[in-house]
Amino acid sequence: MKPKLFIVTGSAFKFGDLSAKLSDYFDCEQKVWEEHEIQGEPEEIIKHKAKRAYEIFKHPILVDDVSVYIEELNGFPGPYMKDFLKVMTPYEMGVKFAGSRIKAICRLGLYRGPEDIIIAQGEFNGTIVTPKDNNHKGREFEIFVQPDGMDKVMLDFSVKKKNEFSHRGLAMKNLLEILKKENK
């Protein structure tokens, strides 16, 4: 019997994507919980988020945190992307910063107890392009980010293809490699 893992996210898309990949190791269940994130370095933020979710649910959890670095803003908003999206829509960001370089980093925090935390990371670089429309279906910056070496924005790729190069797809790949080593 596989151990239960709570994937803490309000996004049905994220839950579906993450749980599909982790289903070999865990019986996944979605939990929604929002708490104001601490300020600090990205590694501190993901560790705090994971620890707090574990304290709330009293069960092994997986959380994710995304940092987005926009060259035109000298790397801002970084780990504060969630707050940045409260003052500017993804469409507005794409229009305002078109042509700027962007880097996205996803950190996945798997917390199974106070002495058992795994942080896996993935990142990609690209260029901000003017979005075609304002219909992002909850996919935020995917409407305006064209990854390096690609000819279209992230939203235009299938989930399977995007997982080959996206920040979350690469973080998941790294997490799965760690879990495979543990289970040998």
Foldseek 3Di string as FASTA:
>chain_A
DAAEEEEEDPDPVVQVVLCVLCVVHHDYDYDYDDDDFDDDDPVVRQVVVQVVVCVVVVAWYKYKFKFKAWVVVVGPPGRCVVVVCVPAFLQRCLVVQFFIKMKMKMWMWTDGDPVDIDIFMFMFIFGFHRFPDRDPPPVTNQRTTDTPPGDHGNVPDDPVVCLVHHTVSRSSVRVVVVVVVVVD
